[in-house]
């Protein structure tokens, strides 16, 4: 990208090398067994990746959204599952604590999260409140010096393995009365439910968080009571920009595998890349990838420059994720088609790429919800509803 700095390019090369050396050897086994690359998080900590958006004076790397998206693309091209867990840790948990936590909360949580000793996650979605996040039913009732938290969260990335969760709960009767709490795994009344077995992103553990009279000191609340909606929505925008990087990585890897195969596979006496139908799939995939890459990094750059108000930021993030997620899935499907029978087997990675890519059309805002966000900005809420 034309506006990448020398620091961005150094980061890109460093993460590409890390991904090749540390993620490539494990991913097929982890995908098959639905495992988790715990060791990779310690190594990410050593590289400073776990606190990529945290200021240097607080122990982080002090980098920007462009940098975070670059990391997602480079890691996502090798192992989208571990990258998704990394995103939940670094963007949904660590970044939020760094941005919204008190100095005491930062001192308590950041050192172990930045080193990889602790794994972080975020609790927002519920069994009956996914796309409609403000319909959440988990409640935190304030008593003398503490809260009692009851309810559950589901589809939580890192749920089965996490140590710290940045969770949202209702603290009043109005739909907007949402507050944030930091949950430690060993808190009385807190437990993790079943681990889900998934089609894709199988090396990124997903599960439930359960609160049964979970007693929380007031010091575990982040920010003012009932005032969490704005910071929740802002972090969703950043999540949508950075998760688009994973789609870019998947697409790039799919194109590379399919192009190499099209050069080597012979049919009717010539490489299959000589046939126009194969050329069409490859060229359309490459062009769509580049278009989505430009859109995604433009959204990240605008975020970093602070040139967007909340509505503009939401629309740009929604556009980047909507197009990148659809592109990632389709490009992986086209790669399978180009490889034919081989593409449908585990002998080549493109079938894993497709399974992983599909999740990004669902998580962090479904395609349908993103279209509504964009339409509201274009047409007005009085038209769209």
Protein backbone atom coordinates (compact mmCIF):
# COMPACT_ATOMS: atom_id res chain seq x y z
CA UNK A 1 0.00 0.00 0.00
CA UNK A 2 1.39 3.39 -0.98
CA UNK A 3 1.10 4.90 2.49
CA UNK A 4 2.86 2.07 4.35
CA UNK A 5 5.77 3.47 6.33
CA UNK A 6 9.13 1.76 6.69
CA UNK A 7 7.94 0.64 10.11
CA UNK A 8 4.88 -0.97 8.53
CA UNK A 9 7.01 -2.84 6.02
CA UNK A 10 9.40 -4.05 8.71
CA UNK A 11 6.44 -5.28 10.75
CA UNK A 12 4.99 -7.02 7.69
CA UNK A 13 8.25 -8.88 7.03
CA UNK A 14 8.68 -9.79 10.69
CA UNK A 15 5.16 -11.21 11.03
CA UNK A 16 5.43 -13.06 7.72
CA UNK A 17 8.60 -14.74 8.96
CA UNK A 18 7.03 -15.54 12.33
CA UNK A 19 3.94 -17.02 10.67
CA UNK A 20 6.00 -19.21 8.34
CA UNK A 21 8.23 -20.51 11.10
CA UNK A 22 5.82 -20.80 14.03
CA UNK A 23 2.31 -21.24 12.61
CA UNK A 24 2.79 -23.25 9.41
CA UNK A 25 4.11 -26.45 11.04
CA UNK A 26 1.16 -26.73 13.45
CA UNK A 27 -1.96 -25.61 11.65
CA UNK A 28 -3.02 -28.79 9.83
CA UNK A 29 -2.78 -30.87 13.01
CA UNK A 30 -4.52 -28.23 15.11
CA UNK A 31 -7.29 -27.85 12.52
CA UNK A 32 -7.86 -31.60 12.48
CA UNK A 33 -7.84 -31.97 16.28
CA UNK A 34 -9.53 -28.63 17.10
CA UNK A 35 -6.52 -27.70 19.19
CA UNK A 36 -5.06 -24.37 20.24
CA UNK A 37 -1.57 -22.99 19.56
CA UNK A 38 -0.90 -21.82 23.11
CA UNK A 39 2.85 -21.59 22.58
CA UNK A 40 2.37 -19.10 19.73
CA UNK A 41 0.96 -16.53 22.15
CA UNK A 42 4.12 -16.52 24.26
CA UNK A 43 6.13 -15.91 21.10
CA UNK A 44 3.73 -13.17 19.98
CA UNK A 45 4.29 -11.59 23.37
CA UNK A 46 8.04 -11.63 22.84
CA UNK A 47 7.53 -9.87 19.49
CA UNK A 48 5.32 -7.22 21.05
CA UNK A 49 2.28 -8.22 19.00
CA UNK A 50 -0.14 -8.83 21.87
CA UNK A 51 -0.26 -5.16 22.79
CA UNK A 52 0.09 -3.79 19.31
CA UNK A 53 -2.21 -0.79 19.92
CA UNK A 54 -1.15 -0.21 23.54
CA UNK A 55 1.14 2.81 24.14
CA UNK A 56 4.79 2.06 24.69
CA UNK A 57 4.75 3.62 28.15
CA UNK A 58 2.20 0.98 29.16
CA UNK A 59 4.26 -1.89 27.78
CA UNK A 60 2.75 -2.11 24.30
CA UNK A 61 4.06 -1.55 20.80
CA UNK A 62 2.30 1.80 20.34
CA UNK A 63 1.29 1.03 16.76
CA UNK A 64 -1.81 1.88 14.74
CA UNK A 65 -4.82 0.23 13.09
CA UNK A 66 -2.90 -0.14 9.82
CA UNK A 67 -0.26 -2.13 11.71
CA UNK A 68 -2.86 -4.30 13.43
CA UNK A 69 -4.53 -5.03 10.09
CA UNK A 70 -1.18 -5.90 8.53
CA UNK A 71 -0.56 -8.44 11.29
CA UNK A 72 -3.99 -9.98 10.67
CA UNK A 73 -3.33 -10.30 6.94
CA UNK A 74 0.12 -11.86 7.31
CA UNK A 75 -0.90 -14.32 10.01
CA UNK A 76 -4.26 -14.98 8.35
CA UNK A 77 -2.53 -16.09 5.16
CA UNK A 78 -1.03 -18.98 7.11
CA UNK A 79 -3.32 -19.77 10.04
CA UNK A 80 -6.63 -17.90 10.18
CA UNK A 81 -7.72 -19.75 13.33
CA UNK A 82 -4.85 -18.63 15.53
CA UNK A 83 -5.19 -15.17 13.99
CA UNK A 84 -8.85 -15.02 15.05
CA UNK A 85 -7.87 -15.92 18.61
CA UNK A 86 -5.15 -13.28 18.42
CA UNK A 87 -7.71 -10.68 17.31
CA UNK A 88 -10.03 -11.52 20.22
CA UNK A 89 -7.10 -11.18 22.59
CA UNK A 90 -5.38 -8.08 21.22
CA UNK A 91 -8.29 -6.03 19.82
CA UNK A 92 -11.39 -7.10 21.74
CA UNK A 93 -9.74 -7.43 25.14
CA UNK A 94 -6.31 -5.81 25.43
CA UNK A 95 -7.08 -2.76 23.28
CA UNK A 96 -10.26 -2.08 25.24
CA UNK A 97 -8.55 -2.31 28.60
CA UNK A 98 -5.80 -0.05 27.33
CA UNK A 99 -8.25 2.50 26.00
CA UNK A 100 -10.95 2.44 28.69
CA UNK A 101 -9.49 0.86 31.83
CA UNK A 102 -8.34 2.66 34.95
CA UNK A 103 -4.65 2.85 35.79
CA UNK A 104 -5.22 0.15 38.43
CA UNK A 105 -6.96 -2.14 35.93
CA UNK A 106 -4.16 -1.65 33.42
CA UNK A 107 -1.51 -2.47 36.04
CA UNK A 108 -3.40 -5.59 37.05
CA UNK A 109 -4.17 -7.00 33.62
CA UNK A 110 -1.91 -5.64 30.90
CA UNK A 111 1.47 -7.12 31.91
CA UNK A 112 0.27 -10.74 31.84
CA UNK A 113 -1.91 -10.18 28.76
CA UNK A 114 0.95 -8.55 26.87
CA UNK A 115 3.38 -11.34 27.72
CA UNK A 116 1.00 -14.10 26.69
CA UNK A 117 0.79 -15.52 30.20
CA UNK A 118 -2.92 -14.75 30.15
CA UNK A 119 -5.28 -15.19 27.20
CA UNK A 120 -8.02 -12.60 26.76
CA UNK A 121 -11.46 -12.53 25.16
CA UNK A 122 -14.62 -10.47 24.97
CA UNK A 123 -18.19 -11.36 25.98
CA UNK A 124 -20.99 -9.65 24.07
CA UNK A 125 -23.09 -12.13 22.07
CA UNK A 126 -25.76 -14.17 23.86
CA UNK A 127 -28.01 -17.07 22.83
CA UNK A 128 -30.83 -14.62 21.98
CA UNK A 129 -28.76 -11.50 21.32
CA UNK A 130 -26.28 -11.78 18.50
CA UNK A 131 -26.79 -9.19 15.77
CA UNK A 132 -29.12 -7.29 18.13
CA UNK A 133 -26.44 -6.86 20.79
CA UNK A 134 -28.46 -4.35 22.81
CA UNK A 135 -31.07 -7.06 23.47
CA UNK A 136 -28.61 -8.76 25.84
CA UNK A 137 -30.17 -10.24 28.98
CA UNK A 138 -27.10 -10.75 31.15
CA UNK A 139 -27.64 -8.49 34.17
CA UNK A 140 -25.37 -6.99 36.77
CA UNK A 141 -27.25 -5.88 39.90
CA UNK A 142 -25.44 -3.38 42.06
CA UNK A 143 -25.27 -4.03 45.78
CA UNK A 144 -23.06 -2.63 48.53
CA UNK A 145 -19.56 -2.42 47.06
CA UNK A 146 -20.11 -5.09 44.43
CA UNK A 147 -22.28 -6.41 41.60
CA UNK A 148 -24.04 -9.74 41.18
CA UNK A 149 -23.78 -10.89 37.57
CA UNK A 150 -26.21 -13.44 36.10
CA UNK A 151 -26.65 -14.67 32.55
CA UNK A 152 -24.56 -16.18 29.79
CA UNK A 153 -22.54 -15.31 26.71
CA UNK A 154 -22.08 -17.52 23.68
CA UNK A 155 -19.93 -17.78 20.54
CA UNK A 156 -17.04 -16.45 22.60
CA UNK A 157 -13.67 -16.73 20.87
CA UNK A 158 -11.10 -18.01 23.39
CA UNK A 159 -13.93 -18.88 25.78
CA UNK A 160 -12.60 -22.37 26.63
CA UNK A 161 -8.99 -21.19 27.11
CA UNK A 162 -9.26 -17.56 28.23
CA UNK A 163 -8.11 -16.13 31.55
CA UNK A 164 -9.65 -12.64 31.31
CA UNK A 165 -12.86 -11.52 29.60
CA UNK A 166 -14.03 -8.00 28.80
CA UNK A 167 -17.80 -8.47 29.21
CA UNK A 168 -20.90 -6.39 28.71
CA UNK A 169 -24.00 -6.61 30.90
CA UNK A 170 -27.25 -4.78 31.48
CA UNK A 171 -27.28 -2.55 34.58
CA UNK A 172 -30.63 -0.80 34.13
CA UNK A 173 -34.05 -1.08 32.55
CA UNK A 174 -33.37 1.03 29.47
CA UNK A 175 -31.94 -0.67 26.38
CA UNK A 176 -28.98 1.68 26.55
CA UNK A 177 -28.07 0.80 30.14
CA UNK A 178 -25.06 -1.33 29.25
CA UNK A 179 -21.95 -1.55 31.44
CA UNK A 180 -18.59 -3.28 31.09
CA UNK A 181 -16.88 -5.64 33.53
CA UNK A 182 -13.55 -7.46 33.68
CA UNK A 183 -14.01 -11.13 34.49
CA UNK A 184 -11.25 -13.38 35.81
CA UNK A 185 -11.54 -17.10 35.14
CA UNK A 186 -11.29 -18.00 38.85
CA UNK A 187 -14.03 -15.64 40.08
CA UNK A 188 -16.73 -17.40 42.18
CA UNK A 189 -19.92 -17.86 40.19
CA UNK A 190 -18.19 -17.76 36.82
CA UNK A 191 -17.69 -20.81 34.63
CA UNK A 192 -17.16 -21.68 30.99
CA UNK A 193 -19.69 -23.85 29.18
CA UNK A 194 -19.23 -26.29 26.37
CA UNK A 195 -16.67 -25.87 23.62
CA UNK A 196 -18.28 -25.74 20.18
CA UNK A 197 -17.17 -28.00 17.35
CA UNK A 198 -17.07 -25.88 14.21
CA UNK A 199 -16.83 -26.20 10.44
CA UNK A 200 -13.97 -23.74 10.22
CA UNK A 201 -11.65 -21.74 12.47
CA UNK A 202 -11.25 -25.04 14.26
CA UNK A 203 -7.97 -24.09 15.96
CA UNK A 204 -9.64 -21.07 17.58
CA UNK A 205 -11.59 -22.38 20.60
CA UNK A 206 -15.14 -21.06 20.86
CA UNK A 207 -17.48 -21.55 23.80
CA UNK A 208 -19.86 -20.16 26.40
CA UNK A 209 -19.40 -17.97 29.45
CA UNK A 210 -21.82 -18.59 32.34
CA UNK A 211 -22.52 -16.25 35.26
CA UNK A 212 -24.44 -17.61 38.28
CA UNK A 213 -24.44 -14.99 41.03
CA UNK A 214 -20.93 -14.05 39.99
CA UNK A 215 -19.82 -11.55 42.63
CA UNK A 216 -17.81 -8.68 41.19
CA UNK A 217 -16.18 -5.86 43.16
CA UNK A 218 -17.05 -2.42 41.81
CA UNK A 219 -13.39 -2.10 40.83
CA UNK A 220 -14.06 -4.64 38.05
CA UNK A 221 -16.37 -2.23 36.23
CA UNK A 222 -14.77 -0.42 33.28
CA UNK A 223 -15.98 3.14 32.78
CA UNK A 224 -19.19 4.67 34.07
CA UNK A 225 -22.18 2.51 34.84
CA UNK A 226 -24.63 2.34 31.94
CA UNK A 227 -22.32 4.24 29.56
CA UNK A 228 -20.65 1.47 27.55
CA UNK A 229 -22.52 1.58 24.26
CA UNK A 230 -20.28 4.14 22.55
CA UNK A 231 -17.02 2.38 23.40
CA UNK A 232 -18.59 -0.97 22.51
CA UNK A 233 -19.59 0.29 19.05
CA UNK A 234 -16.24 1.98 18.43
CA UNK A 235 -14.40 -1.22 19.20
CA UNK A 236 -16.74 -3.13 16.86
CA UNK A 237 -15.66 -0.79 14.07
CA UNK A 238 -11.98 -1.48 14.79
CA UNK A 239 -12.72 -5.21 14.97
CA UNK A 240 -14.40 -5.10 11.56
CA UNK A 241 -11.44 -3.31 9.98
CA UNK A 242 -8.84 -5.63 11.44
CA UNK A 243 -10.77 -8.86 10.88
CA UNK A 244 -10.98 -7.84 7.21
CA UNK A 245 -7.22 -8.37 7.22
CA UNK A 246 -7.80 -12.06 7.92
CA UNK A 247 -10.03 -12.30 4.86
CA UNK A 248 -7.29 -10.63 2.82
CA UNK A 249 -4.74 -13.15 4.06
CA UNK A 250 -6.97 -16.11 3.24
CA UNK A 251 -7.65 -14.76 -0.25
CA UNK A 252 -4.00 -14.05 -0.97
CA UNK A 253 -2.99 -17.55 0.10
CA UNK A 254 -5.79 -19.07 -2.01
CA UNK A 255 -4.68 -17.13 -5.08
CA UNK A 256 -1.06 -18.19 -4.59
CA UNK A 257 -1.97 -21.90 -4.34
CA UNK A 258 -4.37 -21.76 -7.29
CA UNK A 259 -1.92 -19.84 -9.51
CA UNK A 260 0.90 -22.29 -8.83
CA UNK A 261 -1.39 -25.23 -9.54
CA UNK A 262 -2.68 -23.65 -12.76
CA UNK A 263 0.91 -23.40 -14.02
CA UNK A 264 1.81 -27.00 -13.16
CA UNK A 265 -1.35 -29.03 -13.81
CA UNK A 266 -1.49 -30.30 -17.37
CA UNK A 267 -4.68 -31.08 -19.31
CA UNK A 268 -5.06 -31.73 -23.02
CA UNK A 269 -1.35 -31.19 -23.45
CA UNK A 270 -1.00 -27.78 -21.82
CA UNK A 271 -1.19 -26.14 -18.37
CA UNK A 272 -4.74 -25.55 -17.24
CA UNK A 273 -3.80 -21.88 -16.83
CA UNK A 274 -3.87 -21.68 -20.62
CA UNK A 275 -7.65 -22.09 -20.57
CA UNK A 276 -9.73 -18.92 -20.43
CA UNK A 277 -12.10 -20.18 -17.73
CA UNK A 278 -9.18 -20.68 -15.37
CA UNK A 279 -7.73 -17.31 -16.33
CA UNK A 280 -11.05 -15.66 -15.62
CA UNK A 281 -11.26 -17.09 -12.09
CA UNK A 282 -7.67 -16.15 -11.27
CA UNK A 283 -7.79 -12.64 -12.67
CA UNK A 284 -11.15 -11.80 -11.08
CA UNK A 285 -9.87 -13.14 -7.75
CA UNK A 286 -6.70 -11.07 -7.95
CA UNK A 287 -8.53 -7.88 -8.90
CA UNK A 288 -11.17 -8.33 -6.17
CA UNK A 289 -8.46 -9.00 -3.60
CA UNK A 290 -6.59 -5.82 -4.52
CA UNK A 291 -9.80 -3.77 -4.43
CA UNK A 292 -10.69 -5.08 -0.98
CA UNK A 293 -7.14 -4.56 0.23
CA UNK A 294 -7.29 -0.90 -0.82
CA UNK A 295 -10.67 -0.45 0.87
CA UNK A 296 -9.58 -2.16 4.09
CA UNK A 297 -6.32 -0.26 4.52
CA UNK A 298 -8.02 3.00 3.58
CA UNK A 299 -10.51 2.39 6.40
CA UNK A 300 -7.63 1.60 8.78
CA UNK A 301 -5.72 4.72 7.75
CA UNK A 302 -8.75 6.97 8.16
CA UNK A 303 -9.29 5.43 11.58
CA UNK A 304 -5.71 6.27 12.53
CA UNK A 305 -5.99 9.83 11.25
CA UNK A 306 -9.20 10.38 13.19
CA UNK A 307 -10.86 11.84 10.12
CA UNK A 308 -14.16 10.04 10.53
CA UNK A 309 -17.04 10.75 12.89
CA UNK A 310 -18.75 7.75 14.48
CA UNK A 311 -21.20 7.22 11.60
CA UNK A 312 -18.55 7.52 8.90
CA UNK A 313 -16.27 5.14 10.79
CA UNK A 314 -19.04 2.58 11.13
CA UNK A 315 -19.89 2.77 7.44
CA UNK A 316 -16.28 2.47 6.27
CA UNK A 317 -15.64 -0.45 8.63
CA UNK A 318 -18.85 -2.11 7.44
CA UNK A 319 -17.93 -1.66 3.76
CA UNK A 320 -14.43 -3.06 4.29
CA UNK A 321 -15.65 -6.12 6.14
CA UNK A 322 -18.67 -6.77 3.90
CA UNK A 323 -16.61 -6.84 0.73
CA UNK A 324 -13.51 -8.50 2.15
CA UNK A 325 -15.44 -11.29 3.84
CA UNK A 326 -17.46 -12.10 0.72
CA UNK A 327 -14.32 -11.91 -1.37
CA UNK A 328 -12.35 -14.22 0.92
CA UNK A 329 -14.99 -16.94 0.78
CA UNK A 330 -15.50 -16.73 -2.99
CA UNK A 331 -11.80 -16.65 -3.79
CA UNK A 332 -11.23 -19.74 -1.65
CA UNK A 333 -14.14 -21.47 -3.40
CA UNK A 334 -12.67 -20.59 -6.78
CA UNK A 335 -9.31 -21.99 -5.69
CA UNK A 336 -11.02 -25.27 -4.78
CA UNK A 337 -12.64 -25.33 -8.22
CA UNK A 338 -9.34 -24.71 -9.98
CA UNK A 339 -7.68 -27.53 -8.04
CA UNK A 340 -10.61 -29.84 -8.78
CA UNK A 341 -10.61 -33.04 -6.78
CA UNK A 342 -7.38 -32.13 -5.05
CA UNK A 343 -8.95 -28.90 -3.82
CA UNK A 344 -11.68 -30.88 -2.09
CA UNK A 345 -9.19 -32.93 -0.09
CA UNK A 346 -6.90 -32.11 2.83
CA UNK A 347 -3.92 -32.69 0.56
CA UNK A 348 -4.08 -28.98 -0.29
CA UNK A 349 -4.99 -26.18 2.17
CA UNK A 350 -7.65 -24.45 0.07
CA UNK A 351 -10.53 -26.43 1.59
CA UNK A 352 -9.40 -25.15 5.03
CA UNK A 353 -9.15 -21.64 3.65
CA UNK A 354 -12.76 -21.81 2.51
CA UNK A 355 -14.03 -23.20 5.83
CA UNK A 356 -12.18 -20.49 7.74
CA UNK A 357 -13.22 -17.68 5.40
CA UNK A 358 -16.95 -18.36 5.81
CA UNK A 359 -16.89 -17.50 9.49
CA UNK A 360 -15.92 -13.91 8.73
CA UNK A 361 -19.19 -13.45 6.83
CA UNK A 362 -20.95 -14.22 10.14
CA UNK A 363 -18.80 -13.04 13.06
CA UNK A 364 -18.19 -9.37 13.97
CA UNK A 365 -21.40 -8.46 12.18
CA UNK A 366 -23.14 -10.58 9.57
CA UNK A 367 -23.22 -9.50 5.94
CA UNK A 368 -26.88 -8.66 6.42
CA UNK A 369 -26.27 -6.38 9.40
CA UNK A 370 -23.42 -4.62 7.62
CA UNK A 371 -25.67 -3.86 4.65
CA UNK A 372 -28.20 -2.30 7.05
CA UNK A 373 -25.47 -0.11 8.60
CA UNK A 374 -24.39 1.11 5.17
CA UNK A 375 -27.96 1.64 3.97
CA UNK A 376 -28.86 3.67 7.07
CA UNK A 377 -25.94 5.99 6.43
CA UNK A 378 -26.85 6.38 2.76
CA UNK A 379 -30.65 6.60 3.04
CA UNK A 380 -31.26 7.67 6.63
CA UNK A 381 -32.72 5.76 9.55
CA UNK A 382 -36.21 7.12 8.75
CA UNK A 383 -36.12 5.19 5.45
CA UNK A 384 -34.25 2.04 6.46
CA UNK A 385 -35.67 1.73 9.99
